[in-house]
Amino acid sequence: MANLSWPQRAALALGVVLLAWGVVDRVAGRTALGLFHVITGAAVSTAAFRVRAERFVGTFLGLVFLVVFAVGAGTPGGPLDAGTIGNAAHLALGFASVALAESCVWCEQRARQRLP
């Protein structure tokens, strides 16, 4: 953990939150969203230990969360509709995932500049 950069630590925390959110969704009977959150949480948590992997996963999941937001908000009562708060969280997670990916790029560039 001490060797992880701040974007990696943020990604790890995000992955844990998504896993917990997935468990809550499953208990509440929202099976599709629960499965989605568990899978994305596991992907983010696993990728957090490699900057390049986190960069790819952050970019990909940013797009996925933005699509889930669009579909969920566009079809009220549908399988991906998480309600007003959940849909807003999906929008925020989409932008946060892209920000994490961009932060990983920044960390990689800084690390390359430090090499002799």
Protein backbone atom coordinates (compact mmCIF):
# COMPACT_ATOMS: atom_id res chain seq x y z
CA MET A 1 0.00 0.00 0.00
CA ALA A 2 2.83 2.42 0.72
CA ASN A 3 4.05 2.22 -2.88
CA LEU A 4 0.68 3.12 -4.39
CA SER A 5 0.22 6.60 -5.84
CA TRP A 6 -2.76 8.69 -4.80
CA PRO A 7 -4.82 7.80 -7.90
CA GLN A 8 -4.24 4.12 -7.16
CA ARG A 9 -5.36 4.56 -3.56
CA ALA A 10 -8.41 6.49 -4.72
CA ALA A 11 -9.21 3.71 -7.20
CA LEU A 12 -8.88 1.10 -4.48
CA ALA A 13 -11.27 3.05 -2.24
CA LEU A 14 -13.68 3.49 -5.16
CA GLY A 15 -13.57 -0.23 -5.82
CA VAL A 16 -14.44 -1.03 -2.21
CA VAL A 17 -17.34 1.45 -2.29
CA LEU A 18 -18.64 -0.09 -5.53
CA LEU A 19 -18.43 -3.59 -4.07
CA ALA A 20 -20.40 -2.49 -1.00
CA TRP A 21 -22.93 -0.70 -3.20
CA GLY A 22 -23.33 -3.89 -5.22
CA VAL A 23 -24.04 -5.94 -2.10
CA VAL A 24 -26.64 -3.38 -0.96
CA ASP A 25 -28.26 -3.48 -4.42
CA ARG A 26 -28.45 -7.25 -4.36
CA VAL A 27 -30.05 -7.24 -0.89
CA ALA A 28 -32.55 -4.60 -2.07
CA GLY A 29 -33.55 -6.77 -5.02
CA ARG A 30 -31.88 -4.72 -7.76
CA THR A 31 -30.08 -7.69 -9.27
CA ALA A 32 -28.87 -6.11 -12.52
CA LEU A 33 -27.40 -3.04 -10.80
CA GLY A 34 -25.98 -5.16 -7.99
CA LEU A 35 -24.13 -7.39 -10.42
CA PHE A 36 -22.93 -4.35 -12.37
CA HIS A 37 -21.56 -2.66 -9.24
CA VAL A 38 -19.87 -5.83 -7.96
CA ILE A 39 -18.16 -6.45 -11.32
CA THR A 40 -17.02 -2.85 -11.73
CA GLY A 41 -15.87 -2.68 -8.11
CA ALA A 42 -13.82 -5.85 -8.53
CA ALA A 43 -12.32 -4.53 -11.78
CA VAL A 44 -11.34 -1.18 -10.26
CA SER A 45 -9.92 -2.81 -7.10
CA THR A 46 -7.90 -5.34 -9.06
CA ALA A 47 -6.52 -2.78 -11.50
CA ALA A 48 -5.57 -0.34 -8.74
CA PHE A 49 -2.25 -2.08 -8.16
CA ARG A 50 -0.91 -1.29 -11.66
CA VAL A 51 -0.99 2.26 -12.99
CA ARG A 52 -1.36 1.24 -16.64
CA ALA A 53 -4.15 -1.19 -15.84
CA GLU A 54 -5.94 1.46 -13.78
CA ARG A 55 -5.59 3.92 -16.63
CA PHE A 56 -7.33 1.51 -19.02
CA VAL A 57 -10.00 0.43 -16.53
CA GLY A 58 -10.69 4.04 -15.52
CA THR A 59 -11.18 5.10 -19.13
CA PHE A 60 -13.36 2.11 -19.96
CA LEU A 61 -15.49 2.30 -16.82
CA GLY A 62 -15.88 6.05 -17.25
CA LEU A 63 -17.58 5.39 -20.56
CA VAL A 64 -19.58 2.50 -19.12
CA PHE A 65 -20.86 4.54 -16.16
CA LEU A 66 -21.85 7.40 -18.44
CA VAL A 67 -23.78 4.99 -20.67
CA VAL A 68 -25.45 3.41 -17.63
CA PHE A 69 -26.41 6.89 -16.46
CA ALA A 70 -27.90 7.74 -19.87
CA VAL A 71 -29.84 4.47 -20.10
CA GLY A 72 -30.96 4.55 -16.48
CA ALA A 73 -32.10 8.16 -16.60
CA GLY A 74 -33.66 7.69 -20.02
CA THR A 75 -35.80 4.68 -19.07
CA PRO A 76 -37.43 5.29 -15.69
CA GLY A 77 -38.29 2.01 -14.01
CA GLY A 78 -35.92 0.07 -16.28
CA PRO A 79 -33.32 -2.41 -15.05
CA LEU A 80 -30.54 0.22 -14.97
CA ASP A 81 -32.61 2.97 -13.37
CA ALA A 82 -31.11 3.62 -9.95
CA GLY A 83 -33.41 6.48 -9.03
CA THR A 84 -32.46 10.12 -8.98
CA ILE A 85 -29.64 9.77 -6.47
CA GLY A 86 -28.27 6.57 -8.01
CA ASN A 87 -28.35 7.99 -11.51
CA ALA A 88 -26.55 11.12 -10.30
CA ALA A 89 -23.98 8.85 -8.63
CA HIS A 90 -23.48 6.99 -11.92
CA LEU A 91 -22.85 10.31 -13.66
CA ALA A 92 -20.36 11.35 -10.97
CA LEU A 93 -18.67 7.93 -11.12
CA GLY A 94 -18.32 8.24 -14.88
CA PHE A 95 -16.47 11.52 -14.57
CA ALA A 96 -14.48 10.31 -11.54
CA SER A 97 -13.32 7.21 -13.42
CA VAL A 98 -12.08 9.32 -16.32
CA ALA A 99 -10.37 11.66 -13.83
CA LEU A 100 -8.63 8.69 -12.20
CA ALA A 101 -7.42 7.50 -15.60
CA GLU A 102 -6.10 10.97 -16.41
CA SER A 103 -4.40 11.13 -13.00
CA CYS A 104 -2.67 7.83 -13.71
CA VAL A 105 -1.32 9.29 -16.96
CA TRP A 106 -0.05 12.29 -15.03
CA CYS A 107 1.67 10.01 -12.48
CA GLU A 108 3.30 7.98 -15.26
CA GLN A 109 4.61 11.15 -16.90
CA ARG A 110 6.01 12.43 -13.60
CA ALA A 111 7.72 9.10 -12.94
CA ARG A 112 9.33 9.17 -16.40
CA GLN A 113 10.64 12.69 -15.82
CA ARG A 114 12.37 11.60 -12.61
CA LEU A 115 14.31 8.80 -14.31
CA PRO A 116 17.88 9.77 -15.16
